[in-house]
PDB file of N, CA and C in Angstrom:
ATOM      1  N   UNK A   1      86.352  36.028  -8.223  1.00  0.00           N
ATOM      2  CA  UNK A   1      87.006  35.468  -7.519  1.00  0.00           C
ATOM      3  C   UNK A   1      88.070  36.819  -6.547  1.00  0.00           C
ATOM      4  N   UNK A   2      88.981  37.534  -7.486  1.00  0.00           N
ATOM      5  CA  UNK A   2      89.746  38.475  -7.731  1.00  0.00           C
ATOM      6  C   UNK A   2      89.312  39.614  -6.617  1.00  0.00           C
ATOM      7  N   UNK A   3      88.176  39.503  -6.630  1.00  0.00           N
ATOM      8  CA  UNK A   3      87.906  40.752  -6.105  1.00  0.00           C
ATOM      9  C   UNK A   3      87.654  40.880  -4.598  1.00  0.00           C
ATOM     10  N   UNK A   4      87.967  39.800  -4.433  1.00  0.00           N
ATOM     11  CA  UNK A   4      87.760  39.291  -2.651  1.00  0.00           C
ATOM     12  C   UNK A   4      88.659  40.157  -2.506  1.00  0.00           C
ATOM     13  N   UNK A   5      90.282  40.230  -2.670  1.00  0.00           N
ATOM     14  CA  UNK A   5      91.377  40.442  -2.166  1.00  0.00           C
ATOM     15  C   UNK A   5      91.457  42.026  -2.146  1.00  0.00           C
ATOM     16  N   UNK A   6      90.721  42.540  -3.105  1.00  0.00           N
ATOM     17  CA  UNK A   6      90.711  44.551  -3.707  1.00  0.00           C
ATOM     18  C   UNK A   6      90.546  45.126  -2.355  1.00  0.00           C
ATOM     19  N   UNK A   7      89.665  44.485  -0.958  1.00  0.00           N
ATOM     20  CA  UNK A   7      88.914  45.454  -0.004  1.00  0.00           C
ATOM     21  C   UNK A   7      90.213  44.785   1.178  1.00  0.00           C
ATOM     22  N   UNK A   8      91.123  44.365   1.061  1.00  0.00           N
ATOM     23  CA  UNK A   8      91.933  43.867   2.115  1.00  0.00           C
ATOM     24  C   UNK A   8      93.192  44.595   1.437  1.00  0.00           C
ATOM     25  N   UNK A   9      93.724  44.486   0.104  1.00  0.00           N
ATOM     26  CA  UNK A   9      95.055  45.630  -0.291  1.00  0.00           C
ATOM     27  C   UNK A   9      94.323  46.602   0.261  1.00  0.00           C
ATOM     28  N   UNK A  10      93.804  46.757  -0.594  1.00  0.00           N
ATOM     29  CA  UNK A  10      93.210  48.707   0.582  1.00  0.00           C
ATOM     30  C   UNK A  10      92.674  48.751   2.375  1.00  0.00           C
ATOM     31  N   UNK A  11      92.712  48.195   2.405  1.00  0.00           N
ATOM     32  CA  UNK A  11      93.095  48.271   3.721  1.00  0.00           C
ATOM     33  C   UNK A  11      94.133  48.268   4.435  1.00  0.00           C
ATOM     34  N   UNK A  12      95.515  47.272   3.765  1.00  0.00           N
ATOM     35  CA  UNK A  12      96.112  47.563   4.117  1.00  0.00           C
ATOM     36  C   UNK A  12      97.195  48.923   3.634  1.00  0.00           C
ATOM     37  N   UNK A  13      97.395  49.203   2.589  1.00  0.00           N
ATOM     38  CA  UNK A  13      97.616  50.272   2.031  1.00  0.00           C
ATOM     39  C   UNK A  13      97.449  51.195   2.928  1.00  0.00           C
ATOM     40  N   UNK A  14      96.235  51.451   3.449  1.00  0.00           N
ATOM     41  CA  UNK A  14      95.489  52.935   4.110  1.00  0.00           C
ATOM     42  C   UNK A  14      96.112  52.585   5.174  1.00  0.00           C
ATOM     43  N   UNK A  15      96.307  51.644   6.126  1.00  0.00           N
ATOM     44  CA  UNK A  15      97.324  51.469   7.448  1.00  0.00           C
ATOM     45  C   UNK A  15      98.385  51.238   7.099  1.00  0.00           C
ATOM     46  N   UNK A  16      99.246  51.344   6.274  1.00  0.00           N
ATOM     47  CA  UNK A  16     100.757  51.506   5.867  1.00  0.00           C
ATOM     48  C   UNK A  16     101.122  52.869   6.015  1.00  0.00           C
ATOM     49  N   UNK A  17     100.006  53.414   4.987  1.00  0.00           N
ATOM     50  CA  UNK A  17     100.329  54.732   4.722  1.00  0.00           C
ATOM     51  C   UNK A  17      99.731  55.515   6.032  1.00  0.00           C
ATOM     52  N   UNK A  18      99.038  55.493   6.612  1.00  0.00           N
ATOM     53  CA  UNK A  18      99.045  56.449   7.623  1.00  0.00           C
ATOM     54  C   UNK A  18      99.700  55.839   8.993  1.00  0.00           C
ATOM     55  N   UNK A  19      99.982  54.688   8.590  1.00  0.00           N
ATOM     56  CA  UNK A  19     101.886  54.440   9.983  1.00  0.00           C
ATOM     57  C   UNK A  19     102.357  55.041   9.745  1.00  0.00           C
ATOM     58  N   UNK A  20     102.791  55.259   8.220  1.00  0.00           N
ATOM     59  CA  UNK A  20     103.981  56.154   7.556  1.00  0.00           C
ATOM     60  C   UNK A  20     103.992  57.734   8.231  1.00  0.00           C
ATOM     61  N   UNK A  21     102.730  58.221   8.318  1.00  0.00           N
ATOM     62  CA  UNK A  21     102.387  59.198   8.031  1.00  0.00           C
ATOM     63  C   UNK A  21     102.797  59.707  10.236  1.00  0.00           C
ATOM     64  N   UNK A  22     102.140  59.310  11.100  1.00  0.00           N
ATOM     65  CA  UNK A  22     102.435  58.739  11.925  1.00  0.00           C
ATOM     66  C   UNK A  22     103.642  58.781  12.585  1.00  0.00           C
ATOM     67  N   UNK A  23     104.431  58.166  12.001  1.00  0.00           N
ATOM     68  CA  UNK A  23     106.145  57.667  11.692  1.00  0.00           C
ATOM     69  C   UNK A  23     107.075  59.620  11.978  1.00  0.00           C
ATOM     70  N   UNK A  24     106.205  59.659  10.691  1.00  0.00           N
ATOM     71  CA  UNK A  24     106.292  61.312  10.266  1.00  0.00           C
ATOM     72  C   UNK A  24     106.574  62.535  11.024  1.00  0.00           C
ATOM     73  N   UNK A  25     105.148  62.382  11.328  1.00  0.00           N
ATOM     74  CA  UNK A  25     104.739  63.288  12.466  1.00  0.00           C
ATOM     75  C   UNK A  25     105.465  63.242  13.898  1.00  0.00           C
ATOM     76  N   UNK A  26     105.484  62.145  14.177  1.00  0.00           N
ATOM     77  CA  UNK A  26     105.900  61.980  15.615  1.00  0.00           C
ATOM     78  C   UNK A  26     107.303  61.816  15.331  1.00  0.00           C
ATOM     79  N   UNK A  27     108.356  61.661  14.689  1.00  0.00           N
ATOM     80  CA  UNK A  27     109.532  61.997  14.602  1.00  0.00           C
ATOM     81  C   UNK A  27     110.795  61.085  14.933  1.00  0.00           C
ATOM     82  N   UNK A  28     109.827  59.645  14.642  1.00  0.00           N
ATOM     83  CA  UNK A  28     110.810  58.329  14.568  1.00  0.00           C
ATOM     84  C   UNK A  28     111.480  58.126  13.521  1.00  0.00           C
ATOM     85  N   UNK A  29     112.702  57.798  14.200  1.00  0.00           N
ATOM     86  CA  UNK A  29     113.685  57.544  13.565  1.00  0.00           C
ATOM     87  C   UNK A  29     114.479  56.086  13.329  1.00  0.00           C
ATOM     88  N   UNK A  30     114.633  55.418  12.657  1.00  0.00           N
ATOM     89  CA  UNK A  30     115.177  54.235  13.224  1.00  0.00           C
ATOM     90  C   UNK A  30     114.812  52.886  12.570  1.00  0.00           C
ATOM     91  N   UNK A  31     115.310  51.652  12.399  1.00  0.00           N
ATOM     92  CA  UNK A  31     114.211  50.524  12.059  1.00  0.00           C
ATOM     93  C   UNK A  31     113.712  50.495  13.690  1.00  0.00           C
ATOM     94  N   UNK A  32     114.581  50.301  14.626  1.00  0.00           N
ATOM     95  CA  UNK A  32     114.230  49.781  15.706  1.00  0.00           C
ATOM     96  C   UNK A  32     113.282  50.250  16.240  1.00  0.00           C
ATOM     97  N   UNK A  33     113.372  51.461  16.863  1.00  0.00           N
ATOM     98  CA  UNK A  33     111.735  52.642  17.115  1.00  0.00           C
ATOM     99  C   UNK A  33     110.727  52.490  16.662  1.00  0.00           C
ATOM    100  N   UNK A  34     111.439  52.419  14.446  1.00  0.00           N
ATOM    101  CA  UNK A  34     109.401  52.723  14.066  1.00  0.00           C
ATOM    102  C   UNK A  34     109.030  51.460  14.135  1.00  0.00           C
ATOM    103  N   UNK A  35     109.808  50.362  14.566  1.00  0.00           N
ATOM    104  CA  UNK A  35     109.009  48.732  14.992  1.00  0.00           C
ATOM    105  C   UNK A  35     108.884  48.949  16.088  1.00  0.00           C
ATOM    106  N   UNK A  36     109.304  49.672  17.397  1.00  0.00           N
ATOM    107  CA  UNK A  36     108.651  49.697  18.266  1.00  0.00           C
ATOM    108  C   UNK A  36     107.481  50.326  18.735  1.00  0.00           C
ATOM    109  N   UNK A  37     107.385  51.810  18.027  1.00  0.00           N
ATOM    110  CA  UNK A  37     106.116  52.566  17.844  1.00  0.00           C
ATOM    111  C   UNK A  37     104.925  51.907  17.228  1.00  0.00           C
ATOM    112  N   UNK A  38     105.391  51.406  16.040  1.00  0.00           N
ATOM    113  CA  UNK A  38     104.278  50.050  15.303  1.00  0.00           C
ATOM    114  C   UNK A  38     103.693  49.506  16.496  1.00  0.00           C
ATOM    115  N   UNK A  39     104.961  48.544  16.838  1.00  0.00           N
ATOM    116  CA  UNK A  39     104.078  47.658  17.915  1.00  0.00           C
ATOM    117  C   UNK A  39     103.264  48.263  18.787  1.00  0.00           C
ATOM    118  N   UNK A  40     102.985  49.349  19.298  1.00  0.00           N
ATOM    119  CA  UNK A  40     102.519  49.915  20.470  1.00  0.00           C
ATOM    120  C   UNK A  40     101.417  50.014  20.056  1.00  0.00           C
ATOM    121  N   UNK A  41     101.363  50.512  18.506  1.00  0.00           N
ATOM    122  CA  UNK A  41      99.943  50.888  18.224  1.00  0.00           C
ATOM    123  C   UNK A  41      99.291  50.091  17.421  1.00  0.00           C
ATOM    124  N   UNK A  42      99.787  49.005  17.183  1.00  0.00           N
ATOM    125  CA  UNK A  42      98.398  48.345  16.751  1.00  0.00           C
ATOM    126  C   UNK A  42      98.585  46.976  17.922  1.00  0.00           C
ATOM    127  N   UNK A  43      98.777  46.830  19.407  1.00  0.00           N
ATOM    128  CA  UNK A  43      98.495  45.967  20.720  1.00  0.00           C
ATOM    129  C   UNK A  43      97.827  46.896  21.028  1.00  0.00           C
ATOM    130  N   UNK A  44      97.768  48.261  21.230  1.00  0.00           N
ATOM    131  CA  UNK A  44      96.572  49.404  21.222  1.00  0.00           C
ATOM    132  C   UNK A  44      95.403  49.130  20.381  1.00  0.00           C
ATOM    133  N   UNK A  45      95.482  49.761  19.131  1.00  0.00           N
ATOM    134  CA  UNK A  45      94.186  49.738  18.462  1.00  0.00           C
ATOM    135  C   UNK A  45      94.016  48.671  17.676  1.00  0.00           C
ATOM    136  N   UNK A  46      94.862  48.095  16.886  1.00  0.00           N
ATOM    137  CA  UNK A  46      94.631  46.528  16.318  1.00  0.00           C
ATOM    138  C   UNK A  46      93.417  44.990  16.621  1.00  0.00           C
ATOM    139  N   UNK A  47      95.240  45.220  18.109  1.00  0.00           N
ATOM    140  CA  UNK A  47      94.515  44.291  19.060  1.00  0.00           C
ATOM    141  C   UNK A  47      93.360  44.297  19.666  1.00  0.00           C
ATOM    142  N   UNK A  48      93.388  45.207  20.307  1.00  0.00           N
ATOM    143  CA  UNK A  48      92.241  45.881  21.105  1.00  0.00           C
ATOM    144  C   UNK A  48      90.908  46.085  20.679  1.00  0.00           C
ATOM    145  N   UNK A  49      91.079  46.389  19.624  1.00  0.00           N
ATOM    146  CA  UNK A  49      89.633  46.049  18.489  1.00  0.00           C
ATOM    147  C   UNK A  49      89.394  44.373  18.509  1.00  0.00           C
ATOM    148  N   UNK A  50      90.396  43.773  17.828  1.00  0.00           N
ATOM    149  CA  UNK A  50      89.940  42.305  17.770  1.00  0.00           C
ATOM    150  C   UNK A  50      89.440  41.853  19.476  1.00  0.00           C
ATOM    151  N   UNK A  51      90.022  42.221  20.190  1.00  0.00           N
ATOM    152  CA  UNK A  51      89.536  41.570  22.060  1.00  0.00           C
ATOM    153  C   UNK A  51      88.093  41.840  21.576  1.00  0.00           C
ATOM    154  N   UNK A  52      87.514  43.266  21.574  1.00  0.00           N
ATOM    155  CA  UNK A  52      86.449  43.844  21.824  1.00  0.00           C
ATOM    156  C   UNK A  52      85.244  43.020  20.785  1.00  0.00           C
ATOM    157  N   UNK A  53      85.778  43.062  19.762  1.00  0.00           N
ATOM    158  CA  UNK A  53      84.790  42.378  18.170  1.00  0.00           C
ATOM    159  C   UNK A  53      84.382  40.899  18.672  1.00  0.00           C
ATOM    160  N   UNK A  54      85.518  40.295  19.013  1.00  0.00           N
ATOM    161  CA  UNK A  54      85.885  38.210  18.763  1.00  0.00           C
ATOM    162  C   UNK A  54      84.934  38.343  19.975  1.00  0.00           C
ATOM    163  N   UNK A  55      85.210  39.047  21.311  1.00  0.00           N
ATOM    164  CA  UNK A  55      84.569  39.156  22.022  1.00  0.00           C
ATOM    165  C   UNK A  55      83.397  39.003  22.733  1.00  0.00           C
ATOM    166  N   UNK A  56      82.669  39.912  21.987  1.00  0.00           N
ATOM    167  CA  UNK A  56      81.021  40.305  21.454  1.00  0.00           C
ATOM    168  C   UNK A  56      80.221  39.518  20.538  1.00  0.00           C
ATOM    169  N   UNK A  57      81.377  39.487  19.907  1.00  0.00           N
ATOM    170  CA  UNK A  57      80.483  38.154  19.290  1.00  0.00           C
ATOM    171  C   UNK A  57      80.380  36.423  19.673  1.00  0.00           C
ATOM    172  N   UNK A  58      81.335  36.507  20.401  1.00  0.00           N
ATOM    173  CA  UNK A  58      81.374  35.205  20.853  1.00  0.00           C
ATOM    174  C   UNK A  58      82.465  33.890  20.082  1.00  0.00           C
ATOM    175  N   UNK A  59      83.269  34.863  19.815  1.00  0.00           N
ATOM    176  CA  UNK A  59      83.850  33.400  18.910  1.00  0.00           C
ATOM    177  C   UNK A  59      85.106  33.004  19.839  1.00  0.00           C
ATOM    178  N   UNK A  60      86.053  32.039  19.629  1.00  0.00           N
ATOM    179  CA  UNK A  60      86.727  31.567  20.736  1.00  0.00           C
ATOM    180  C   UNK A  60      87.770  32.636  20.914  1.00  0.00           C
ATOM    181  N   UNK A  61      88.687  32.263  21.920  1.00  0.00           N
ATOM    182  CA  UNK A  61      89.966  33.671  22.444  1.00  0.00           C
ATOM    183  C   UNK A  61      91.323  32.902  21.018  1.00  0.00           C
ATOM    184  N   UNK A  62      91.424  32.188  20.767  1.00  0.00           N
ATOM    185  CA  UNK A  62      92.373  31.446  19.895  1.00  0.00           C
ATOM    186  C   UNK A  62      92.206  32.650  18.274  1.00  0.00           C
ATOM    187  N   UNK A  63      90.887  33.076  17.746  1.00  0.00           N
ATOM    188  CA  UNK A  63      90.339  33.487  17.257  1.00  0.00           C
ATOM    189  C   UNK A  63      90.878  34.968  17.306  1.00  0.00           C
ATOM    190  N   UNK A  64      91.207  35.273  18.423  1.00  0.00           N
ATOM    191  CA  UNK A  64      91.747  36.730  18.720  1.00  0.00           C
ATOM    192  C   UNK A  64      93.296  36.702  18.697  1.00  0.00           C
ATOM    193  N   UNK A  65      93.334  35.450  19.251  1.00  0.00           N
ATOM    194  CA  UNK A  65      95.379  35.212  19.221  1.00  0.00           C
ATOM    195  C   UNK A  65      95.264  35.733  17.951  1.00  0.00           C
ATOM    196  N   UNK A  66      94.955  35.006  17.020  1.00  0.00           N
ATOM    197  CA  UNK A  66      95.365  34.578  15.643  1.00  0.00           C
ATOM    198  C   UNK A  66      95.031  36.119  14.530  1.00  0.00           C
ATOM    199  N   UNK A  67      94.320  36.640  15.129  1.00  0.00           N
ATOM    200  CA  UNK A  67      93.623  37.903  14.228  1.00  0.00           C
ATOM    201  C   UNK A  67      94.460  38.639  14.984  1.00  0.00           C
ATOM    202  N   UNK A  68      95.160  39.234  16.202  1.00  0.00           N
ATOM    203  CA  UNK A  68      96.242  39.968  16.951  1.00  0.00           C
ATOM    204  C   UNK A  68      97.207  40.185  16.448  1.00  0.00           C
ATOM    205  N   UNK A  69      97.843  38.521  16.942  1.00  0.00           N
ATOM    206  CA  UNK A  69      98.937  38.338  16.091  1.00  0.00           C
ATOM    207  C   UNK A  69      99.358  38.451  14.500  1.00  0.00           C
ATOM    208  N   UNK A  70      98.086  38.871  13.989  1.00  0.00           N
ATOM    209  CA  UNK A  70      98.482  38.844  12.477  1.00  0.00           C
ATOM    210  C   UNK A  70      98.807  40.409  12.499  1.00  0.00           C
ATOM    211  N   UNK A  71      97.805  41.196  12.912  1.00  0.00           N
ATOM    212  CA  UNK A  71      98.395  42.300  12.933  1.00  0.00           C
ATOM    213  C   UNK A  71      99.579  43.062  13.614  1.00  0.00           C
ATOM    214  N   UNK A  72      99.976  42.644  14.208  1.00  0.00           N
ATOM    215  CA  UNK A  72     100.943  42.898  15.318  1.00  0.00           C
ATOM    216  C   UNK A  72     101.756  43.047  15.177  1.00  0.00           C
ATOM    217  N   UNK A  73     102.473  41.599  14.039  1.00  0.00           N
ATOM    218  CA  UNK A  73     103.710  41.232  13.444  1.00  0.00           C
ATOM    219  C   UNK A  73     103.606  41.864  11.636  1.00  0.00           C
ATOM    220  N   UNK A  74     102.517  42.116  11.115  1.00  0.00           N
ATOM    221  CA  UNK A  74     102.222  42.688  10.293  1.00  0.00           C
ATOM    222  C   UNK A  74     103.012  44.543  10.084  1.00  0.00           C
ATOM    223  N   UNK A  75     102.273  45.296  11.457  1.00  0.00           N
ATOM    224  CA  UNK A  75     102.000  46.477  11.596  1.00  0.00           C
ATOM    225  C   UNK A  75     104.050  46.488  12.455  1.00  0.00           C
ATOM    226  N   UNK A  76     104.501  46.091  12.706  1.00  0.00           N
ATOM    227  CA  UNK A  76     105.619  45.669  13.651  1.00  0.00           C
ATOM    228  C   UNK A  76     106.938  45.823  12.158  1.00  0.00           C
ATOM    229  N   UNK A  77     106.520  45.018  11.596  1.00  0.00           N
ATOM    230  CA  UNK A  77     107.497  44.939  10.106  1.00  0.00           C
ATOM    231  C   UNK A  77     107.450  45.847   9.474  1.00  0.00           C
ATOM    232  N   UNK A  78     106.319  46.910   8.909  1.00  0.00           N
ATOM    233  CA  UNK A  78     105.512  47.899   8.419  1.00  0.00           C
ATOM    234  C   UNK A  78     106.434  48.826   8.962  1.00  0.00           C
ATOM    235  N   UNK A  79     106.281  49.209  10.721  1.00  0.00           N
ATOM    236  CA  UNK A  79     107.092  50.272  11.011  1.00  0.00           C
ATOM    237  C   UNK A  79     108.740  50.011  11.461  1.00  0.00           C
ATOM    238  N   UNK A  80     109.025  48.698  11.200  1.00  0.00           N
ATOM    239  CA  UNK A  80     110.837  48.984  10.899  1.00  0.00           C
ATOM    240  C   UNK A  80     111.166  49.419   9.593  1.00  0.00           C
ATOM    241  N   UNK A  81     110.654  48.956   8.430  1.00  0.00           N
ATOM    242  CA  UNK A  81     110.845  49.463   7.209  1.00  0.00           C
ATOM    243  C   UNK A  81     110.467  50.858   7.450  1.00  0.00           C
ATOM    244  N   UNK A  82     109.765  51.506   7.684  1.00  0.00           N
ATOM    245  CA  UNK A  82     109.270  52.895   7.217  1.00  0.00           C
ATOM    246  C   UNK A  82     110.213  53.443   8.373  1.00  0.00           C
ATOM    247  N   UNK A  83     110.316  53.154   9.544  1.00  0.00           N
ATOM    248  CA  UNK A  83     111.163  54.258  10.719  1.00  0.00           C
ATOM    249  C   UNK A  83     112.598  54.009   9.626  1.00  0.00           C
ATOM    250  N   UNK A  84     113.352  52.566   9.504  1.00  0.00           N
ATOM    251  CA  UNK A  84     114.250  52.260   8.584  1.00  0.00           C
ATOM    252  C   UNK A  84     114.660  53.189   7.313  1.00  0.00           C
ATOM    253  N   UNK A  85     113.602  54.349   6.632  1.00  0.00           N
ATOM    254  CA  UNK A  85     113.885  54.546   5.608  1.00  0.00           C
ATOM    255  C   UNK A  85     113.430  56.253   6.335  1.00  0.00           C
ATOM    256  N   UNK A  86     113.455  56.553   7.387  1.00  0.00           N
ATOM    257  CA  UNK A  86     114.030  57.807   7.473  1.00  0.00           C
ATOM    258  C   UNK A  86     115.461  58.367   8.168  1.00  0.00           C
TER     259      UNK A  86
END
């Protein structure tokens, strides 16, 4: 049962690491700037992907809102934390 969490932990870790690399390379400094940068990245890349995949699969729009909302909030918080460390 615990093996089900391994891919999710790996994916979340890779997402945060790549977000940190982007924040450093772009030169984002401060929590608010990091949060805004991550918000934009999550809306464009994560929410956009959920819209395409869920619509193609014929899933209800509520699923897209839930999936996208989770990713947007999680990445925005991660961006704020990473940005504050800069």
